Amino acid sequence: AQLLEQLRVRADGVVRFQLVYTAEAHASDEWPVGSHIAQRQPRSTHERVSVARRRLAELGVNWPGTLVDTGREAFQEAFACWSLRWYFLDGHTVTHIAQPSGGAYDVTQIELWINLQLERATNA
Protein backbone atom coordinates (compact mmCIF):
# COMPACT_ATOMS: atom_id res chain seq x y z
CA ALA A 1 0.00 0.00 0.00
CA GLN A 2 2.90 2.37 0.71
CA LEU A 3 4.32 1.97 -2.80
CA LEU A 4 0.91 2.63 -4.33
CA GLU A 5 0.53 5.76 -2.22
CA GLN A 6 3.98 6.92 -3.36
CA LEU A 7 3.02 6.32 -6.99
CA ARG A 8 -0.25 8.21 -6.51
CA VAL A 9 1.53 11.22 -5.03
CA ARG A 10 4.24 11.16 -7.72
CA ALA A 11 1.70 11.03 -10.54
CA ASP A 12 -0.71 13.56 -9.04
CA GLY A 13 -2.09 15.84 -11.72
CA VAL A 14 -1.35 13.34 -14.49
CA VAL A 15 -2.86 10.07 -13.26
CA ARG A 16 -5.98 9.80 -11.16
CA PHE A 17 -6.27 6.85 -8.78
CA GLN A 18 -9.85 5.80 -8.17
CA LEU A 19 -10.66 3.09 -5.65
CA VAL A 20 -14.02 1.35 -5.73
CA TYR A 21 -14.84 -0.82 -2.72
CA THR A 22 -17.22 -3.55 -3.85
CA ALA A 23 -17.30 -6.20 -1.11
CA GLU A 24 -15.21 -8.23 1.29
CA ALA A 25 -13.31 -10.86 -0.68
CA HIS A 26 -13.06 -13.28 2.23
CA ALA A 27 -15.92 -12.30 4.50
CA SER A 28 -16.25 -14.42 7.62
CA ASP A 29 -19.85 -15.33 6.75
CA GLU A 30 -19.22 -16.22 3.07
CA TRP A 31 -15.70 -17.36 2.23
CA PRO A 32 -13.56 -17.38 5.38
CA VAL A 33 -9.82 -17.94 4.98
CA GLY A 34 -8.83 -18.07 8.62
CA SER A 35 -9.35 -16.12 11.78
CA HIS A 36 -7.36 -13.03 10.72
CA ILE A 37 -10.35 -11.68 8.77
CA ALA A 38 -13.30 -11.26 11.10
CA GLN A 39 -15.43 -9.05 8.87
CA ARG A 40 -18.80 -10.30 7.73
CA GLN A 41 -20.09 -9.19 4.34
CA PRO A 42 -21.64 -5.70 4.60
CA ARG A 43 -25.41 -5.85 3.99
CA SER A 44 -26.10 -2.19 3.24
CA THR A 45 -24.44 0.73 1.52
CA HIS A 46 -23.94 2.34 4.95
CA GLU A 47 -22.09 -0.77 6.19
CA ARG A 48 -19.99 -0.89 3.00
CA VAL A 49 -18.94 2.73 3.49
CA SER A 50 -17.98 2.02 7.10
CA VAL A 51 -15.96 -1.08 6.20
CA ALA A 52 -14.29 0.67 3.25
CA ARG A 53 -13.16 3.54 5.50
CA ARG A 54 -11.79 1.08 8.06
CA ARG A 55 -9.92 -0.93 5.39
CA LEU A 56 -8.36 2.23 3.95
CA ALA A 57 -7.23 3.31 7.41
CA GLU A 58 -5.75 -0.15 8.06
CA LEU A 59 -3.77 0.11 4.81
CA GLY A 60 -2.69 3.69 5.47
CA VAL A 61 -4.21 4.76 2.16
CA ASN A 62 -5.75 8.21 1.78
CA TRP A 63 -7.19 8.29 -1.72
CA PRO A 64 -9.64 11.12 -2.23
CA GLY A 65 -12.96 10.24 -3.79
CA THR A 66 -13.08 6.55 -2.91
CA LEU A 67 -16.30 5.06 -4.23
CA VAL A 68 -18.42 2.30 -2.69
CA ASP A 69 -20.51 -0.04 -4.84
CA THR A 70 -24.10 -0.41 -3.75
CA GLY A 71 -25.56 -3.64 -2.45
CA ARG A 72 -26.77 -4.31 -6.00
CA GLU A 73 -23.11 -4.73 -7.03
CA ALA A 74 -23.54 -2.87 -10.32
CA PHE A 75 -19.84 -2.02 -10.59
CA GLN A 76 -18.79 -5.62 -9.95
CA GLU A 77 -21.23 -6.90 -12.56
CA ALA A 78 -20.15 -4.33 -15.16
CA PHE A 79 -16.37 -4.72 -14.65
CA ALA A 80 -15.93 -8.28 -13.29
CA CYS A 81 -13.52 -6.99 -10.69
CA TRP A 82 -13.90 -9.69 -8.03
CA SER A 83 -12.02 -9.59 -5.81
CA LEU A 84 -9.37 -7.12 -6.90
CA ARG A 85 -8.60 -5.69 -10.30
CA TRP A 86 -6.54 -2.79 -11.64
CA TYR A 87 -7.91 -0.97 -14.68
CA PHE A 88 -5.88 1.60 -16.60
CA LEU A 89 -7.85 4.17 -18.53
CA ASP A 90 -6.93 6.88 -20.96
CA GLY A 91 -9.86 9.26 -20.84
CA HIS A 92 -12.90 6.98 -20.93
CA THR A 93 -11.13 4.07 -22.64
CA VAL A 94 -9.77 1.06 -20.77
CA THR A 95 -6.26 0.61 -22.17
CA HIS A 96 -5.01 -2.16 -19.89
CA ILE A 97 -6.27 -4.52 -17.20
CA ALA A 98 -3.59 -5.77 -14.83
CA GLN A 99 -3.72 -9.51 -14.27
CA PRO A 100 -2.84 -11.17 -10.97
CA SER A 101 -0.25 -13.90 -10.88
CA GLY A 102 -0.09 -16.39 -8.02
CA GLY A 103 -2.92 -14.58 -6.24
CA ALA A 104 -1.11 -11.23 -6.20
CA TYR A 105 -0.30 -8.28 -8.42
CA ASP A 106 3.13 -7.27 -9.58
CA VAL A 107 3.06 -3.57 -8.75
CA THR A 108 5.63 -2.95 -11.48
CA GLN A 109 2.75 -3.30 -14.02
CA ILE A 110 1.16 -0.30 -12.38
CA GLU A 111 4.43 1.59 -12.07
CA LEU A 112 5.31 1.03 -15.76
CA TRP A 113 1.93 2.35 -16.89
CA ILE A 114 2.25 5.40 -14.63
CA ASN A 115 5.77 6.08 -15.90
CA LEU A 116 4.46 5.97 -19.48
CA GLN A 117 1.73 8.49 -18.61
CA LEU A 118 4.23 10.79 -16.90
CA GLU A 119 6.54 10.59 -19.92
CA ARG A 120 3.65 11.40 -22.28
CA ALA A 121 2.67 14.38 -20.13
CA THR A 122 6.25 15.67 -20.09
CA ASN A 123 6.55 15.38 -23.88
CA ALA A 124 3.16 16.92 -24.61
C-alpha atoms as a PDB file:
ATOM      1  CA  ALA A   1       0.000   0.000   0.000  1.00  0.00           C
ATOM      2  CA  GLN A   2       2.904   2.370   0.708  1.00  0.00           C
ATOM      3  CA  LEU A   3       4.321   1.970  -2.797  1.00  0.00           C
ATOM      4  CA  LEU A   4       0.906   2.627  -4.328  1.00  0.00           C
ATOM      5  CA  GLU A   5       0.526   5.765  -2.219  1.00  0.00           C
ATOM      6  CA  GLN A   6       3.979   6.925  -3.362  1.00  0.00           C
ATOM      7  CA  LEU A   7       3.017   6.322  -6.991  1.00  0.00           C
ATOM      8  CA  ARG A   8      -0.250   8.206  -6.508  1.00  0.00           C
ATOM      9  CA  VAL A   9       1.535  11.218  -5.029  1.00  0.00           C
ATOM     10  CA  ARG A  10       4.243  11.163  -7.722  1.00  0.00           C
ATOM     11  CA  ALA A  11       1.704  11.034 -10.540  1.00  0.00           C
ATOM     12  CA  ASP A  12      -0.709  13.557  -9.045  1.00  0.00           C
ATOM     13  CA  GLY A  13      -2.090  15.845 -11.720  1.00  0.00           C
ATOM     14  CA  VAL A  14      -1.355  13.336 -14.491  1.00  0.00           C
ATOM     15  CA  VAL A  15      -2.862  10.070 -13.265  1.00  0.00           C
ATOM     16  CA  ARG A  16      -5.984   9.797 -11.161  1.00  0.00           C
ATOM     17  CA  PHE A  17      -6.267   6.853  -8.784  1.00  0.00           C
ATOM     18  CA  GLN A  18      -9.849   5.798  -8.170  1.00  0.00           C
ATOM     19  CA  LEU A  19     -10.656   3.095  -5.646  1.00  0.00           C
ATOM     20  CA  VAL A  20     -14.017   1.350  -5.729  1.00  0.00           C
ATOM     21  CA  TYR A  21     -14.842  -0.821  -2.724  1.00  0.00           C
ATOM     22  CA  THR A  22     -17.220  -3.546  -3.848  1.00  0.00           C
ATOM     23  CA  ALA A  23     -17.299  -6.197  -1.110  1.00  0.00           C
ATOM     24  CA  GLU A  24     -15.213  -8.229   1.293  1.00  0.00           C
ATOM     25  CA  ALA A  25     -13.308 -10.864  -0.677  1.00  0.00           C
ATOM     26  CA  HIS A  26     -13.056 -13.281   2.232  1.00  0.00           C
ATOM     27  CA  ALA A  27     -15.915 -12.302   4.498  1.00  0.00           C
ATOM     28  CA  SER A  28     -16.247 -14.421   7.618  1.00  0.00           C
ATOM     29  CA  ASP A  29     -19.846 -15.334   6.749  1.00  0.00           C
ATOM     30  CA  GLU A  30     -19.215 -16.215   3.074  1.00  0.00           C
ATOM     31  CA  TRP A  31     -15.699 -17.361   2.234  1.00  0.00           C
ATOM     32  CA  PRO A  32     -13.555 -17.378   5.379  1.00  0.00           C
ATOM     33  CA  VAL A  33      -9.819 -17.938   4.985  1.00  0.00           C
ATOM     34  CA  GLY A  34      -8.833 -18.074   8.624  1.00  0.00           C
ATOM     35  CA  SER A  35      -9.349 -16.120  11.778  1.00  0.00           C
ATOM     36  CA  HIS A  36      -7.363 -13.028  10.718  1.00  0.00           C
ATOM     37  CA  ILE A  37     -10.348 -11.679   8.768  1.00  0.00           C
ATOM     38  CA  ALA A  38     -13.297 -11.256  11.104  1.00  0.00           C
ATOM     39  CA  GLN A  39     -15.429  -9.045   8.867  1.00  0.00           C
ATOM     40  CA  ARG A  40     -18.803 -10.303   7.735  1.00  0.00           C
ATOM     41  CA  GLN A  41     -20.085  -9.187   4.342  1.00  0.00           C
ATOM     42  CA  PRO A  42     -21.643  -5.699   4.595  1.00  0.00           C
ATOM     43  CA  ARG A  43     -25.406  -5.849   3.994  1.00  0.00           C
ATOM     44  CA  SER A  44     -26.103  -2.194   3.243  1.00  0.00           C
ATOM     45  CA  THR A  45     -24.444   0.730   1.520  1.00  0.00           C
ATOM     46  CA  HIS A  46     -23.935   2.345   4.948  1.00  0.00           C
ATOM     47  CA  GLU A  47     -22.095  -0.774   6.189  1.00  0.00           C
ATOM     48  CA  ARG A  48     -19.991  -0.893   3.003  1.00  0.00           C
ATOM     49  CA  VAL A  49     -18.940   2.734   3.492  1.00  0.00           C
ATOM     50  CA  SER A  50     -17.977   2.019   7.096  1.00  0.00           C
ATOM     51  CA  VAL A  51     -15.955  -1.083   6.197  1.00  0.00           C
ATOM     52  CA  ALA A  52     -14.286   0.674   3.248  1.00  0.00           C
ATOM     53  CA  ARG A  53     -13.158   3.538   5.500  1.00  0.00           C
ATOM     54  CA  ARG A  54     -11.792   1.083   8.058  1.00  0.00           C
ATOM     55  CA  ARG A  55      -9.922  -0.929   5.393  1.00  0.00           C
ATOM     56  CA  LEU A  56      -8.359   2.233   3.945  1.00  0.00           C
ATOM     57  CA  ALA A  57      -7.228   3.313   7.414  1.00  0.00           C
ATOM     58  CA  GLU A  58      -5.746  -0.150   8.063  1.00  0.00           C
ATOM     59  CA  LEU A  59      -3.774   0.107   4.812  1.00  0.00           C
ATOM     60  CA  GLY A  60      -2.694   3.688   5.469  1.00  0.00           C
ATOM     61  CA  VAL A  61      -4.214   4.758   2.157  1.00  0.00           C
ATOM     62  CA  ASN A  62      -5.745   8.213   1.782  1.00  0.00           C
ATOM     63  CA  TRP A  63      -7.187   8.293  -1.719  1.00  0.00           C
ATOM     64  CA  PRO A  64      -9.642  11.117  -2.226  1.00  0.00           C
ATOM     65  CA  GLY A  65     -12.965  10.240  -3.791  1.00  0.00           C
ATOM     66  CA  THR A  66     -13.081   6.549  -2.910  1.00  0.00           C
ATOM     67  CA  LEU A  67     -16.302   5.057  -4.230  1.00  0.00           C
ATOM     68  CA  VAL A  68     -18.422   2.302  -2.695  1.00  0.00           C
ATOM     69  CA  ASP A  69     -20.508  -0.040  -4.840  1.00  0.00           C
ATOM     70  CA  THR A  70     -24.103  -0.414  -3.747  1.00  0.00           C
ATOM     71  CA  GLY A  71     -25.556  -3.645  -2.449  1.00  0.00           C
ATOM     72  CA  ARG A  72     -26.770  -4.307  -5.998  1.00  0.00           C
ATOM     73  CA  GLU A  73     -23.113  -4.726  -7.031  1.00  0.00           C
ATOM     74  CA  ALA A  74     -23.543  -2.869 -10.318  1.00  0.00           C
ATOM     75  CA  PHE A  75     -19.844  -2.024 -10.591  1.00  0.00           C
ATOM     76  CA  GLN A  76     -18.789  -5.623  -9.955  1.00  0.00           C
ATOM     77  CA  GLU A  77     -21.234  -6.897 -12.559  1.00  0.00           C
ATOM     78  CA  ALA A  78     -20.146  -4.333 -15.155  1.00  0.00           C
ATOM     79  CA  PHE A  79     -16.374  -4.716 -14.653  1.00  0.00           C
ATOM     80  CA  ALA A  80     -15.932  -8.282 -13.293  1.00  0.00           C
ATOM     81  CA  CYS A  81     -13.524  -6.985 -10.689  1.00  0.00           C
ATOM     82  CA  TRP A  82     -13.897  -9.688  -8.029  1.00  0.00           C
ATOM     83  CA  SER A  83     -12.016  -9.586  -5.807  1.00  0.00           C
ATOM     84  CA  LEU A  84      -9.371  -7.122  -6.899  1.00  0.00           C
ATOM     85  CA  ARG A  85      -8.596  -5.695 -10.304  1.00  0.00           C
ATOM     86  CA  TRP A  86      -6.536  -2.788 -11.636  1.00  0.00           C
ATOM     87  CA  TYR A  87      -7.906  -0.972 -14.682  1.00  0.00           C
ATOM     88  CA  PHE A  88      -5.883   1.598 -16.599  1.00  0.00           C
ATOM     89  CA  LEU A  89      -7.847   4.175 -18.532  1.00  0.00           C
ATOM     90  CA  ASP A  90      -6.935   6.882 -20.964  1.00  0.00           C
ATOM     91  CA  GLY A  91      -9.863   9.265 -20.841  1.00  0.00           C
ATOM     92  CA  HIS A  92     -12.898   6.984 -20.926  1.00  0.00           C
ATOM     93  CA  THR A  93     -11.130   4.071 -22.640  1.00  0.00           C
ATOM     94  CA  VAL A  94      -9.773   1.058 -20.765  1.00  0.00           C
ATOM     95  CA  THR A  95      -6.264   0.607 -22.173  1.00  0.00           C
ATOM     96  CA  HIS A  96      -5.005  -2.162 -19.891  1.00  0.00           C
ATOM     97  CA  ILE A  97      -6.272  -4.521 -17.199  1.00  0.00           C
ATOM     98  CA  ALA A  98      -3.586  -5.773 -14.832  1.00  0.00           C
ATOM     99  CA  GLN A  99      -3.718  -9.511 -14.274  1.00  0.00           C
ATOM    100  CA  PRO A 100      -2.842 -11.166 -10.967  1.00  0.00           C
ATOM    101  CA  SER A 101      -0.247 -13.902 -10.877  1.00  0.00           C
ATOM    102  CA  GLY A 102      -0.092 -16.386  -8.021  1.00  0.00           C
ATOM    103  CA  GLY A 103      -2.919 -14.584  -6.240  1.00  0.00           C
ATOM    104  CA  ALA A 104      -1.112 -11.225  -6.197  1.00  0.00           C
ATOM    105  CA  TYR A 105      -0.299  -8.284  -8.425  1.00  0.00           C
ATOM    106  CA  ASP A 106       3.133  -7.269  -9.577  1.00  0.00           C
ATOM    107  CA  VAL A 107       3.056  -3.573  -8.750  1.00  0.00           C
ATOM    108  CA  THR A 108       5.631  -2.947 -11.483  1.00  0.00           C
ATOM    109  CA  GLN A 109       2.755  -3.295 -14.021  1.00  0.00           C
ATOM    110  CA  ILE A 110       1.156  -0.296 -12.380  1.00  0.00           C
ATOM    111  CA  GLU A 111       4.433   1.593 -12.073  1.00  0.00           C
ATOM    112  CA  LEU A 112       5.310   1.025 -15.759  1.00  0.00           C
ATOM    113  CA  TRP A 113       1.931   2.353 -16.893  1.00  0.00           C
ATOM    114  CA  ILE A 114       2.250   5.398 -14.628  1.00  0.00           C
ATOM    115  CA  ASN A 115       5.775   6.083 -15.903  1.00  0.00           C
ATOM    116  CA  LEU A 116       4.456   5.972 -19.476  1.00  0.00           C
ATOM    117  CA  GLN A 117       1.730   8.492 -18.606  1.00  0.00           C
ATOM    118  CA  LEU A 118       4.234  10.790 -16.905  1.00  0.00           C
ATOM    119  CA  GLU A 119       6.539  10.591 -19.924  1.00  0.00           C
ATOM    120  CA  ARG A 120       3.653  11.405 -22.276  1.00  0.00           C
ATOM    121  CA  ALA A 121       2.668  14.381 -20.134  1.00  0.00           C
ATOM    122  CA  THR A 122       6.253  15.666 -20.086  1.00  0.00           C
ATOM    123  CA  ASN A 123       6.551  15.376 -23.880  1.00  0.00           C
ATOM    124  CA  ALA A 124       3.156  16.917 -24.614  1.00  0.00           C
END
